[in-house]
Every structure is written in C-alpha cells, then in structure tokens.
Amino acid sequence: MDIFPDGLRMPLCLRAFEGDEMYKYTHETVVDSDIKSTFDWFEHEGSFRRLMPPWEVAEEVRADDSLEVGSRRVFRFPAPGAPFLKMTWVAEHTAYDPPNHFADKMVKGPFWSWKHNHYLTESGGKTTVKDEVSYQVPFGPLGNLADSILGGWLVKSRISKMFKARELRLQRDIREHAKFSQLKRKKILVAGSSGLIGTQLVAFLDTGGHDVWRLVRRPTKEGYKELTWDPEQGIINPSEIEGFDIVIHLGGENIGDKRWSKKRKAAIVGSRRDSTILLSDTISSLSKKPEVFLVASAIGFYGNRGDEVLTEESSQGEGFLTDTVIQWESYAESAREAGIRVINTRNGIVLSAAGGALGRMLLPWKLGGGGPLAGGKQWMSWISLDDEIYAIHHLIMNKECEGAYNLTAPEPVRQKTFSKTLGKVLRRPAFAPIPGFSMKILFGELAGPLLIEGQRVLPSRLEQSGYEFLHKDLESALRDSLGIWR
C-alpha cells in the first residue's frame, strides 16, 4: 500500500516502514495470591480504573462488568502535549479462559493497533501475570520512522512506565484486600464518588469483591449501581438505603476552587450540612442500620498552629475552615446516637498527579517556575492517594476504629521542602519564590488557610490502630504518583 490520503504517493524513504510494522512488549508481575483470586480481581469493573496510570486524567465512559468476549471498556483522556484535546480509548475483549487467560484489543485509540494478552500461572501459592502486547505506533509509516530514529525508545518507555504502575497497583491492592479477606464482603454506598478520592475508592472496593453503589445527584444510569438523591431539597429514598453495611460520605462543595465570597462560604457550609444531616438522619431511622458511617473531614480543624505538633488529641483552632470542620463532624450526631460506628477522616493534602493541589502545581513546576510559597516555612501535611484509599478501607473494616482520624503521612514537611523535593523528582529548578501577597491578590481570603498558613499534623490514631503506610516520605510518594521511579 503506497498511496497516502488525497492520492499522494508514499515517499521512497518511508517504504521500508510501510505495512504492519508490529512491536512487541512483555511484562511479568508476581502477585502473592492464588490464581483464582488474582483473576477475580481483574474480573471486577474497578480493575480497569485501578490499572490506569495514576498520572492519567481519565474519564470513564463505559465499563462492562465482565472480561468475556465482546465486553468493552471506554475511557476518555487528554492528548499528550495537548490537554485541551480529548482522546478516546475503546478496548474490546477478544478471549476469555478463566483463570488462565483473557485478551483485549484497541478498537479506537491513539495507536494504529493494540492487542493485549494476559496469561496467568500459579506456582507455590503465587500467581504470575504475564502481559504480552503487540502494537503499531501512531501515524503508521511516519510513526514507525520516527520511533525507529529514536531507537524505539519514545513509545516503549511510555509503555514500560505504564506497566510498572500496573504492577505496583495490582500487588498493593491484592495485599490490602488480603488483610481483611476473612471478613464477609460488604454492601457499600458512596456519596461523592466522582471526585478525586471517590473515583479510586469505589474502584478499589469493587476489586475487593464488595457490592459498591454510588449515591448521585443526577439521574441514574440504567444498568449501573446508582441511587439518586437531592440534599438541597432533602430528597432521599430510605427504602433504597436499607440494607447497606457501610455508608461513606465524601461530598461537599470544593473549598479551594473559587474565591471565598459570602455566597461561596455559605455554599461550602450548606453543602456539607444538608448532605451529612440528611444521610445521618436517614440511616439512623432505618430498621436495619449500617454498621459504619464514614464522613470525610479535614485537618482545617486545627487551624494555623505554626510549628506545633498536632494529633487527634490537640485542641481545635480558629477561623472559617475550623468552624466549618467542627460543624461538619457534628452533623453525623444522629447516627452516633443511633449506635452506628461513625468515623471522621481529617484529610491532609492528597497527592495525585491527576488532580488536587499536586495536579495544579505540575505545569508551572515542569516549566521551571516552581519555588517556595510565601517564604516556605509553613507546614504541609500530605498523604498519597493510595494511602488515603487504603486507610479508609482499614478504618471501615476494623471494628475497633471509631471517631476522628488524621489521614496524613507520618512525615509532614515545610512548604519549602515540598517545593525542593518536587523540583528534584521532576528534575526542574524550584527556586522561584512566590510572595504571599500575590496569592492574596489572586485568591483572596482562601489564600491564608489553604496556601500561606499550615498545620504539622501526625496520624497518631491511625498508626495506633495498626495501619502501615505505603508512603511515609514525600519523595517516594511523589515519584510513585508521577511514575518517576529511581
């Protein structure tokens, strides 16, 4: 085939690269689990989301809850180098032989072709997952030529990075699920499931065999495990909530995406008040009440405390965020009084390259414009996204866990150290100071508690409960989130 679009003839220099120039890639992952349990993990709808590289900002369009032939998974994600452009990946399963083999091919996506076989074998109680990929690079002959000039490095390095992330997620998820494998699977309802934390939490819980449902404010999608509600109008159907073992509430208006006007502050408080009280009152009145009600909160509870080391035993602080969090945690009082185990997770800065604070920082840092903010002396109490997910799982599955828990890593850092570490991981300079007054001009009142002030918070109760952190130090967390391992 030597005719380009519009009748143009292929140049002689490209004819060596025409045809089905297929590349091969193989990756093996050893999992501390039997073959059936490992295959079961892949069979769950959430596995595709969990295997997505943590730096990819992907939107799930469709995910059939099956690996059987003909089932499809569809994701939309920003184009490399052009985040304003959306690309779609449609994967269709082409082979299904549980628990030994399944396969899929790319029906639509960035490659000219992509065929992926997964082979599972068991030995000594461990399972080896062998991924074999055959692919054609984008742009056909032109892509083959470009990739050949670069020694096959460009595309292969991205694929290697992706499969390294898949390996780590698979090993970690199965290890975390195994900690509570002796307990019966739970029926779990999640409000706020479309956010940064909720998206990954739902996927993780699903891969563990739990029956996970989403509580959404839009009309439900046919064939999906969704229930609808309207907190502002006080609308919820108690009969639909009956029978859930665990209810998780992660919702509420975003605190840091807009300037704090009186109207915005009222929305921040109101969204948390209306939704939490409605859920708490509803589940406390059920004949079969859930075992657990987990409500996400924030370390804003402690206010601006300088160098003071803060634990769950520390007193409350002052200011709008503190008042908001105190009220937020009190809204679940009816559930407590009904004997339901209530957990308040006081979240720190959740690190994810796909969103949140880190996601917003990446572009200026990659361009060499990063540096200490407002002097950089303020403390940043952070936690990796996977530790956030695993800690929530630990708390809801552990019957002894109740009350407030700081979800922060054991080693908070000063903002100056955070900037320096991020610059080191990205191999970019991080010495461009950003004065505090400029933040106040740009963001108004919220600049103080969210950017200029800080808290040195430790996860005392979480560690005392037996939780073991995946990422204790900042550099390892950033490298894992960005896929820049040593």
Protein backbone atom coordinates (compact mmCIF):
# COMPACT_ATOMS: atom_id res chain seq x y z
CA MET A 1 0.00 0.00 0.00
CA ASP A 2 1.87 3.09 -1.21
CA ILE A 3 -0.86 5.70 -1.57
CA PHE A 4 -1.27 8.36 1.11
CA PRO A 5 -4.59 10.19 1.67
CA ASP A 6 -5.61 12.59 -1.11
CA GLY A 7 -3.77 10.48 -3.66
CA LEU A 8 -0.26 11.43 -2.60
CA ARG A 9 2.33 8.75 -3.26
CA MET A 10 4.38 7.47 -0.31
CA PRO A 11 7.98 8.76 -0.40
CA LEU A 12 10.62 6.12 -1.08
CA CYS A 13 12.28 6.83 2.27
CA LEU A 14 9.14 5.60 4.07
CA ARG A 15 8.50 2.43 2.09
CA ALA A 16 10.78 0.45 4.37
CA PHE A 17 8.38 1.22 7.18
CA GLU A 18 5.09 0.52 5.45
CA GLY A 19 2.86 -2.44 6.22
CA ASP A 20 2.07 -3.96 9.57
CA GLU A 21 5.19 -3.00 11.49
CA MET A 22 4.34 -4.59 14.83
CA TYR A 23 6.23 -4.03 18.06
CA LYS A 24 6.21 -6.48 20.96
CA TYR A 25 6.26 -5.76 24.67
CA THR A 26 6.21 -8.25 27.57
CA HIS A 27 5.87 -7.60 31.29
CA GLU A 28 5.57 -10.03 34.22
CA THR A 29 4.05 -9.32 37.63
CA VAL A 30 4.26 -11.74 40.55
CA VAL A 31 1.35 -11.49 42.97
CA ASP A 32 1.20 -13.01 46.45
CA SER A 33 -2.16 -14.65 45.77
CA ASP A 34 -3.63 -17.77 44.19
CA ILE A 35 -4.61 -17.71 40.53
CA LYS A 36 -8.37 -17.68 41.10
CA SER A 37 -8.28 -14.68 43.45
CA THR A 38 -5.98 -12.82 41.06
CA PHE A 39 -8.21 -13.49 38.06
CA ASP A 40 -11.24 -12.43 40.14
CA TRP A 41 -9.54 -9.08 40.79
CA PHE A 42 -9.28 -8.47 37.03
CA GLU A 43 -12.90 -9.51 36.51
CA HIS A 44 -14.26 -6.60 38.53
CA GLU A 45 -15.27 -3.39 36.79
CA GLY A 46 -12.99 -1.32 39.04
CA SER A 47 -9.82 -3.11 37.89
CA PHE A 48 -9.57 -1.06 34.71
CA ARG A 49 -9.66 2.17 36.72
CA ARG A 50 -7.12 0.87 39.24
CA LEU A 51 -4.77 -0.19 36.44
CA MET A 52 -4.93 3.23 34.81
CA PRO A 53 -1.58 5.01 35.45
CA PRO A 54 -2.03 7.39 38.41
CA TRP A 55 -0.84 10.38 36.38
CA GLU A 56 -3.53 9.92 33.69
CA VAL A 57 -6.57 12.21 33.96
CA ALA A 58 -9.02 9.67 32.58
CA GLU A 59 -12.79 9.87 32.39
CA GLU A 60 -14.66 6.57 32.42
CA VAL A 61 -17.32 6.48 29.71
CA ARG A 62 -18.28 2.81 29.84
CA ALA A 63 -17.07 -0.21 31.76
CA ASP A 64 -18.76 -3.56 31.28
CA ASP A 65 -18.55 -5.68 34.43
CA SER A 66 -17.03 -8.61 32.57
CA LEU A 67 -13.94 -9.83 30.73
CA GLU A 68 -15.99 -12.03 28.43
CA VAL A 69 -15.64 -11.80 24.67
CA GLY A 70 -17.37 -8.73 23.28
CA SER A 71 -17.41 -6.70 26.51
CA ARG A 72 -15.95 -3.21 26.31
CA ARG A 73 -14.18 -0.58 28.41
CA VAL A 74 -14.21 3.03 27.20
CA PHE A 75 -12.13 5.90 28.61
CA ARG A 76 -11.56 9.50 27.52
CA PHE A 77 -8.30 11.26 28.38
CA PRO A 78 -6.27 14.36 27.41
CA ALA A 79 -3.96 14.05 24.41
CA PRO A 80 -0.23 14.06 25.29
CA GLY A 81 1.11 17.59 24.99
CA ALA A 82 -2.37 18.98 24.27
CA PRO A 83 -4.53 18.53 27.39
CA PHE A 84 -7.37 20.56 25.86
CA LEU A 85 -7.87 17.80 23.27
CA LYS A 86 -9.69 14.64 24.36
CA MET A 87 -8.78 11.20 23.06
CA THR A 88 -10.90 8.07 23.44
CA TRP A 89 -9.66 4.55 24.11
CA VAL A 90 -12.12 1.75 23.35
CA ALA A 91 -10.96 -1.70 24.43
CA GLU A 92 -12.91 -4.81 23.42
CA HIS A 93 -12.28 -8.21 24.98
CA THR A 94 -11.41 -10.92 22.46
CA ALA A 95 -10.54 -14.01 24.53
CA TYR A 96 -11.76 -15.39 27.85
CA ASP A 97 -10.43 -18.55 29.53
CA PRO A 98 -10.67 -18.15 33.34
CA PRO A 99 -8.49 -18.27 35.36
CA ASN A 100 -5.67 -18.65 32.84
CA HIS A 101 -6.09 -16.12 30.05
CA PHE A 102 -8.01 -13.13 28.75
CA ALA A 103 -7.29 -10.70 25.95
CA ASP A 104 -8.42 -7.42 24.51
CA LYS A 105 -7.76 -5.22 21.52
CA MET A 106 -7.96 -1.50 20.92
CA VAL A 107 -10.97 -0.72 18.74
CA LYS A 108 -10.36 3.01 18.89
CA GLY A 109 -7.47 4.93 20.38
CA PRO A 110 -4.08 6.57 19.90
CA PHE A 111 -2.30 3.51 18.44
CA TRP A 112 -2.82 2.18 14.95
CA SER A 113 -3.28 -1.21 16.57
CA TRP A 114 -3.00 -2.66 20.07
CA LYS A 115 -3.53 -6.27 21.10
CA HIS A 116 -3.07 -7.26 24.72
CA ASN A 117 -2.95 -10.81 26.10
CA HIS A 118 -2.93 -11.60 29.84
CA TYR A 119 -1.64 -15.04 30.86
CA LEU A 120 -1.91 -16.21 34.49
CA THR A 121 0.01 -19.12 36.00
CA GLU A 122 0.28 -20.26 39.62
CA SER A 123 3.25 -21.73 41.45
CA GLY A 124 3.78 -22.12 45.19
CA GLY A 125 0.70 -20.09 46.07
CA LYS A 126 1.85 -17.11 44.00
CA THR A 127 0.49 -16.01 40.63
CA THR A 128 2.49 -14.67 37.70
CA VAL A 129 0.60 -12.34 35.39
CA LYS A 130 2.30 -12.14 32.01
CA ASP A 131 1.26 -9.23 29.80
CA GLU A 132 2.04 -9.61 26.10
CA VAL A 133 1.33 -6.61 23.90
CA SER A 134 1.59 -6.31 20.12
CA TYR A 135 1.17 -2.79 18.81
CA GLN A 136 1.62 -0.45 15.89
CA VAL A 137 2.72 3.07 16.74
CA PRO A 138 0.55 6.06 15.78
CA PHE A 139 0.73 7.55 12.26
CA GLY A 140 1.67 4.28 10.58
CA PRO A 141 4.82 4.55 8.44
CA LEU A 142 5.63 8.04 9.74
CA GLY A 143 5.30 6.79 13.29
CA ASN A 144 7.47 3.76 12.55
CA LEU A 145 10.15 6.01 11.06
CA ALA A 146 10.12 8.42 13.99
CA ASP A 147 10.20 5.61 16.52
CA SER A 148 12.99 3.86 14.62
CA ILE A 149 15.10 7.03 14.59
CA LEU A 150 14.71 7.19 18.38
CA GLY A 151 15.64 3.55 18.72
CA GLY A 152 12.11 2.55 19.73
CA TRP A 153 12.58 4.49 22.96
CA LEU A 154 9.74 7.02 22.79
CA VAL A 155 6.73 4.72 22.79
CA LYS A 156 8.33 1.80 24.60
CA SER A 157 9.37 3.98 27.54
CA ARG A 158 5.79 5.18 28.00
CA ILE A 159 4.51 1.61 27.83
CA SER A 160 7.14 0.39 30.32
CA LYS A 161 6.19 3.19 32.70
CA MET A 162 2.52 2.29 32.39
CA PHE A 163 3.07 -1.40 33.11
CA LYS A 164 5.30 -0.63 36.09
CA ALA A 165 2.41 1.37 37.55
CA ARG A 166 0.01 -1.51 36.80
CA GLU A 167 2.33 -3.97 38.53
CA LEU A 168 2.53 -1.88 41.70
CA ARG A 169 -1.21 -1.24 41.89
CA LEU A 170 -2.10 -4.90 41.36
CA GLN A 171 0.36 -6.13 44.00
CA ARG A 172 -0.67 -3.49 46.54
CA ASP A 173 -4.42 -3.81 46.05
CA ILE A 174 -4.41 -7.56 46.45
CA ARG A 175 -2.17 -7.27 49.52
CA GLU A 176 -4.52 -4.72 51.11
CA HIS A 177 -7.63 -6.77 50.39
CA ALA A 178 -5.98 -9.86 51.86
CA LYS A 179 -5.73 -8.15 55.26
CA PHE A 180 -9.50 -8.43 55.69
CA SER A 181 -10.21 -11.43 53.46
CA GLN A 182 -11.58 -13.39 56.44
CA LEU A 183 -14.47 -10.93 56.79
CA LYS A 184 -17.63 -11.15 54.70
CA ARG A 185 -17.89 -8.78 51.76
CA LYS A 186 -19.83 -5.59 52.46
CA LYS A 187 -22.60 -3.70 50.69
CA ILE A 188 -21.24 -0.15 50.50
CA LEU A 189 -22.86 3.14 49.49
CA VAL A 190 -20.57 6.03 48.48
CA ALA A 191 -21.64 9.67 48.17
CA GLY A 192 -19.11 11.90 46.42
CA SER A 193 -17.97 9.02 44.22
CA SER A 194 -16.99 11.15 41.23
CA GLY A 195 -14.25 13.13 42.99
CA LEU A 196 -10.51 12.51 43.13
CA ILE A 197 -10.76 10.21 46.17
CA GLY A 198 -14.19 8.74 45.46
CA THR A 199 -13.34 7.54 41.95
CA GLN A 200 -10.39 5.48 43.15
CA LEU A 201 -12.06 4.35 46.38
CA VAL A 202 -15.08 2.92 44.53
CA ALA A 203 -12.79 1.09 42.08
CA PHE A 204 -10.61 -0.32 44.87
CA LEU A 205 -13.55 -1.53 46.97
CA ASP A 206 -15.11 -3.10 43.89
CA THR A 207 -11.96 -5.11 43.11
CA GLY A 208 -12.13 -6.48 46.65
CA GLY A 209 -15.47 -8.11 45.93
CA HIS A 210 -17.62 -5.61 47.84
CA ASP A 211 -21.03 -4.64 46.47
CA VAL A 212 -20.41 -0.94 45.83
CA TRP A 213 -23.15 1.56 44.94
CA ARG A 214 -22.92 5.27 44.14
CA LEU A 215 -25.25 7.92 45.58
CA VAL A 216 -25.53 10.55 42.84
CA ARG A 217 -27.34 13.86 42.36
CA ARG A 218 -28.05 13.34 38.65
CA PRO A 219 -30.49 10.83 37.11
CA THR A 220 -29.18 7.28 37.49
CA LYS A 221 -27.74 5.41 34.51
CA GLU A 222 -29.52 2.25 33.50
CA GLY A 223 -27.55 -0.88 34.35
CA TYR A 224 -25.28 0.89 36.86
CA LYS A 225 -25.27 0.52 40.64
CA GLU A 226 -26.53 4.00 41.40
CA LEU A 227 -29.12 5.64 43.64
CA THR A 228 -30.22 9.25 43.36
CA TRP A 229 -30.75 11.95 45.98
CA ASP A 230 -31.07 15.73 46.29
CA PRO A 231 -29.58 17.02 49.56
CA GLU A 232 -30.58 20.63 48.92
CA GLN A 233 -34.21 19.61 48.64
CA GLY A 234 -33.92 16.99 51.37
CA ILE A 235 -34.86 14.21 48.95
CA ILE A 236 -33.70 10.64 49.54
CA ASN A 237 -35.50 7.28 49.47
CA PRO A 238 -34.91 5.50 52.82
CA SER A 239 -36.15 2.17 51.45
CA GLU A 240 -33.30 2.21 48.90
CA ILE A 241 -30.73 2.86 51.64
CA GLU A 242 -31.96 -0.07 53.74
CA GLY A 243 -29.52 -2.99 53.81
CA PHE A 244 -26.20 -1.22 53.30
CA ASP A 245 -23.44 -2.28 55.69
CA ILE A 246 -21.32 0.83 55.18
CA VAL A 247 -22.16 4.38 54.10
CA ILE A 248 -19.31 6.68 53.04
CA HIS A 249 -19.81 10.40 52.50
CA LEU A 250 -17.04 12.26 50.64
CA GLY A 251 -19.18 15.04 49.17
CA GLY A 252 -19.30 18.81 49.60
CA GLU A 253 -18.53 21.93 47.59
CA ASN A 254 -14.83 22.27 46.72
CA ILE A 255 -13.12 24.52 49.25
CA GLY A 256 -10.25 25.77 47.08
CA ASP A 257 -11.51 26.17 43.51
CA LYS A 258 -13.13 29.63 43.86
CA ARG A 259 -12.65 32.84 45.84
CA TRP A 260 -14.46 32.96 49.18
CA SER A 261 -17.33 35.37 48.82
CA LYS A 262 -20.17 35.32 51.36
CA LYS A 263 -22.19 33.30 48.88
CA ARG A 264 -19.34 30.84 48.33
CA LYS A 265 -18.79 30.36 52.06
CA ALA A 266 -22.49 29.70 52.53
CA ALA A 267 -22.35 27.07 49.76
CA ILE A 268 -19.32 25.37 51.34
CA VAL A 269 -21.05 25.12 54.71
CA GLY A 270 -24.52 24.39 53.35
CA SER A 271 -23.46 21.55 51.06
CA ARG A 272 -21.85 19.75 53.98
CA ARG A 273 -24.65 20.48 56.43
CA ASP A 274 -27.55 19.48 54.16
CA SER A 275 -25.98 16.30 52.80
CA THR A 276 -24.46 14.97 56.04
CA ILE A 277 -27.56 15.62 58.18
CA LEU A 278 -29.83 14.07 55.53
CA LEU A 279 -27.69 10.92 55.35
CA SER A 280 -27.20 10.71 59.12
CA ASP A 281 -30.88 11.15 59.93
CA THR A 282 -31.93 8.71 57.21
CA ILE A 283 -29.65 5.84 58.21
CA SER A 284 -30.32 6.34 61.94
CA SER A 285 -34.05 5.79 61.35
CA LEU A 286 -33.69 2.56 59.35
CA SER A 287 -34.79 -0.75 60.85
CA LYS A 288 -31.54 -2.31 59.57
CA LYS A 289 -28.94 0.33 60.21
CA PRO A 290 -25.48 0.28 58.60
CA GLU A 291 -22.52 -0.77 60.72
CA VAL A 292 -20.42 2.25 59.72
CA PHE A 293 -20.92 5.85 58.64
CA LEU A 294 -17.68 7.45 57.44
CA VAL A 295 -17.70 11.20 56.80
CA ALA A 296 -14.69 12.89 55.19
CA SER A 297 -13.45 15.92 57.11
CA ALA A 298 -10.22 17.96 57.03
CA ILE A 299 -7.18 18.98 59.08
CA GLY A 300 -8.53 22.52 58.87
CA PHE A 301 -9.99 21.52 62.26
CA TYR A 302 -6.66 22.54 63.86
CA GLY A 303 -6.32 25.99 62.26
CA ASN A 304 -2.99 27.75 61.74
CA ARG A 305 -0.68 26.45 64.50
CA GLY A 306 2.87 27.20 63.32
CA ASP A 307 5.37 24.53 64.40
CA GLU A 308 3.09 22.87 66.95
CA VAL A 309 2.84 19.10 66.51
CA LEU A 310 -0.84 18.20 66.18
CA THR A 311 -2.61 14.89 66.82
CA GLU A 312 -6.24 13.94 67.26
CA GLU A 313 -5.88 14.90 70.92
CA SER A 314 -4.99 18.52 70.02
CA SER A 315 -7.50 21.31 70.54
CA GLN A 316 -9.43 22.95 67.73
CA GLY A 317 -8.15 26.08 66.01
CA GLU A 318 -9.85 29.24 64.84
CA GLY A 319 -11.20 30.61 61.57
CA PHE A 320 -13.72 29.80 58.86
CA LEU A 321 -12.25 26.41 57.93
CA THR A 322 -12.04 25.33 61.55
CA ASP A 323 -15.64 26.33 62.21
CA THR A 324 -16.73 24.54 59.03
CA VAL A 325 -14.98 21.29 60.01
CA ILE A 326 -16.28 21.35 63.59
CA GLN A 327 -19.84 21.74 62.35
CA TRP A 328 -19.24 19.18 59.59
CA GLU A 329 -18.24 16.49 62.08
CA SER A 330 -21.19 17.33 64.35
CA TYR A 331 -23.73 16.77 61.56
CA ALA A 332 -23.39 12.98 61.99
CA GLU A 333 -24.57 13.14 65.61
CA SER A 334 -27.90 11.39 64.97
CA ALA A 335 -26.02 8.37 63.57
CA ARG A 336 -23.78 8.27 66.64
CA GLU A 337 -26.79 8.41 68.94
CA ALA A 338 -28.36 5.54 66.97
CA GLY A 339 -25.35 3.33 67.76
CA ILE A 340 -23.76 3.47 64.33
CA ARG A 341 -19.95 3.48 64.28
CA VAL A 342 -19.10 6.97 62.99
CA ILE A 343 -15.65 7.80 61.56
CA ASN A 344 -14.45 11.28 60.65
CA THR A 345 -11.38 11.30 58.39
CA ARG A 346 -9.46 14.55 58.73
CA ASN A 347 -7.76 14.65 55.35
CA GLY A 348 -4.50 16.39 54.62
CA ILE A 349 -3.29 17.33 51.12
CA VAL A 350 -3.99 14.26 48.98
CA LEU A 351 -1.22 13.82 46.39
CA SER A 352 -2.35 12.91 42.90
CA ALA A 353 -0.92 13.94 39.55
CA ALA A 354 -4.45 13.68 38.16
CA GLY A 355 -5.91 16.49 40.27
CA GLY A 356 -5.98 18.30 43.59
CA ALA A 357 -3.13 20.50 44.80
CA LEU A 358 -0.35 18.49 43.14
CA GLY A 359 -2.18 18.34 39.82
CA ARG A 360 -2.43 22.14 39.76
CA MET A 361 1.25 22.56 40.68
CA LEU A 362 2.71 20.39 37.93
CA LEU A 363 2.58 22.73 34.94
CA PRO A 364 4.47 25.68 36.49
CA TRP A 365 6.99 23.30 38.09
CA LYS A 366 7.59 21.49 34.78
CA LEU A 367 8.17 24.87 33.15
CA GLY A 368 10.77 25.71 35.78
CA GLY A 369 8.56 28.23 37.59
CA GLY A 370 8.18 26.40 40.90
CA GLY A 371 9.51 27.54 44.22
CA PRO A 372 8.75 28.31 47.86
CA LEU A 373 5.39 29.92 48.53
CA ALA A 374 5.09 32.84 50.96
CA GLY A 375 8.54 32.11 52.39
CA GLY A 376 8.00 28.34 52.50
CA LYS A 377 8.13 27.98 56.31
CA GLN A 378 4.53 26.79 56.66
CA TRP A 379 3.96 23.07 57.23
CA MET A 380 2.29 20.84 54.64
CA SER A 381 0.60 17.69 55.93
CA TRP A 382 0.19 15.41 52.94
CA ILE A 383 -0.86 11.84 52.12
CA SER A 384 -0.52 9.77 48.93
CA LEU A 385 -3.76 8.89 47.14
CA ASP A 386 -3.24 5.15 47.62
CA ASP A 387 -2.58 5.61 51.36
CA GLU A 388 -5.79 7.66 51.53
CA ILE A 389 -7.74 4.83 49.88
CA TYR A 390 -6.11 2.05 51.90
CA ALA A 391 -6.52 3.97 55.18
CA ILE A 392 -10.26 4.42 54.57
CA HIS A 393 -10.53 0.70 53.83
CA HIS A 394 -8.62 -0.09 57.03
CA LEU A 395 -10.92 2.11 59.12
CA ILE A 396 -14.24 0.85 57.78
CA MET A 397 -13.21 -2.82 58.02
CA ASN A 398 -11.73 -2.57 61.52
CA LYS A 399 -14.50 -2.75 64.14
CA GLU A 400 -12.37 -1.02 66.76
CA CYS A 401 -11.96 2.15 64.68
CA GLU A 402 -14.32 4.99 65.57
CA GLY A 403 -14.13 8.77 65.89
CA ALA A 404 -11.69 11.23 64.33
CA TYR A 405 -8.57 10.11 62.44
CA ASN A 406 -5.92 12.27 60.79
CA LEU A 407 -5.31 10.99 57.28
CA THR A 408 -1.84 12.43 56.79
CA ALA A 409 1.57 10.83 56.27
CA PRO A 410 3.86 10.45 59.33
CA GLU A 411 6.39 12.93 57.90
CA PRO A 412 4.86 16.37 57.16
CA VAL A 413 7.24 18.84 55.54
CA ARG A 414 7.65 22.59 55.25
CA GLN A 415 6.39 24.08 52.01
CA LYS A 416 9.96 24.98 51.03
CA THR A 417 10.97 21.32 51.38
CA PHE A 418 7.92 20.24 49.40
CA SER A 419 8.90 22.57 46.54
CA LYS A 420 12.52 21.41 46.59
CA THR A 421 11.52 17.73 46.60
CA LEU A 422 9.04 18.17 43.74
CA GLY A 423 11.72 20.00 41.74
CA LYS A 424 14.17 17.17 42.41
CA VAL A 425 11.72 14.50 41.24
CA LEU A 426 10.81 16.47 38.11
CA ARG A 427 14.46 17.48 37.53
CA ARG A 428 13.42 21.11 37.39
CA PRO A 429 14.60 24.17 39.31
CA ALA A 430 12.43 25.13 42.29
CA PHE A 431 13.83 28.42 43.46
CA ALA A 432 11.34 30.94 42.01
CA PRO A 433 9.76 32.41 45.15
CA ILE A 434 6.05 33.22 45.11
CA PRO A 435 5.25 36.01 47.60
CA GLY A 436 2.28 35.65 49.88
CA PHE A 437 0.74 38.99 48.90
CA SER A 438 0.41 37.83 45.28
CA MET A 439 -1.52 34.78 46.49
CA LYS A 440 -3.85 37.04 48.44
CA ILE A 441 -4.45 39.17 45.36
CA LEU A 442 -5.19 36.10 43.21
CA PHE A 443 -7.22 34.02 45.65
CA GLY A 444 -8.45 36.42 48.30
CA GLU A 445 -9.28 35.14 51.78
CA LEU A 446 -8.78 31.46 50.96
CA ALA A 447 -5.07 32.09 50.29
CA GLY A 448 -4.41 32.34 54.03
CA PRO A 449 -5.66 28.99 55.38
CA LEU A 450 -5.06 27.00 52.19
CA LEU A 451 -1.75 28.36 50.86
CA ILE A 452 0.06 30.62 53.32
CA GLU A 453 -0.78 29.04 56.67
CA GLY A 454 -0.27 25.39 57.62
CA GLN A 455 -0.50 22.58 60.14
CA ARG A 456 2.03 19.99 61.30
CA VAL A 457 -0.35 17.05 61.68
CA LEU A 458 0.54 13.47 62.62
CA PRO A 459 -1.65 10.36 62.06
CA SER A 460 -1.34 9.13 65.65
CA ARG A 461 -4.64 7.25 65.98
CA LEU A 462 -4.35 5.74 62.51
CA GLU A 463 -0.92 4.26 63.24
CA GLN A 464 -2.03 3.12 66.70
CA SER A 465 -4.88 1.21 65.03
CA GLY A 466 -2.31 -0.82 63.10
CA TYR A 467 -2.30 0.90 59.74
CA GLU A 468 1.06 0.68 57.94
CA PHE A 469 1.80 3.46 55.48
CA LEU A 470 2.78 2.73 51.91
CA HIS A 471 4.47 6.13 51.59
CA LYS A 472 5.98 7.64 54.71
CA ASP A 473 8.33 10.07 52.97
CA LEU A 474 7.40 12.72 50.42
CA GLU A 475 9.88 11.81 47.69
CA SER A 476 8.68 8.22 47.36
CA ALA A 477 5.06 9.42 47.25
CA LEU A 478 5.77 11.97 44.52
CA ARG A 479 7.80 9.50 42.46
CA ASP A 480 5.02 6.93 42.64
CA SER A 481 2.31 9.44 41.77
CA LEU A 482 4.27 10.80 38.79
CA GLY A 483 5.72 7.49 37.59
CA ILE A 484 9.31 8.70 38.05
CA TRP A 485 10.86 5.84 39.99
CA ARG A 486 14.55 5.51 40.67
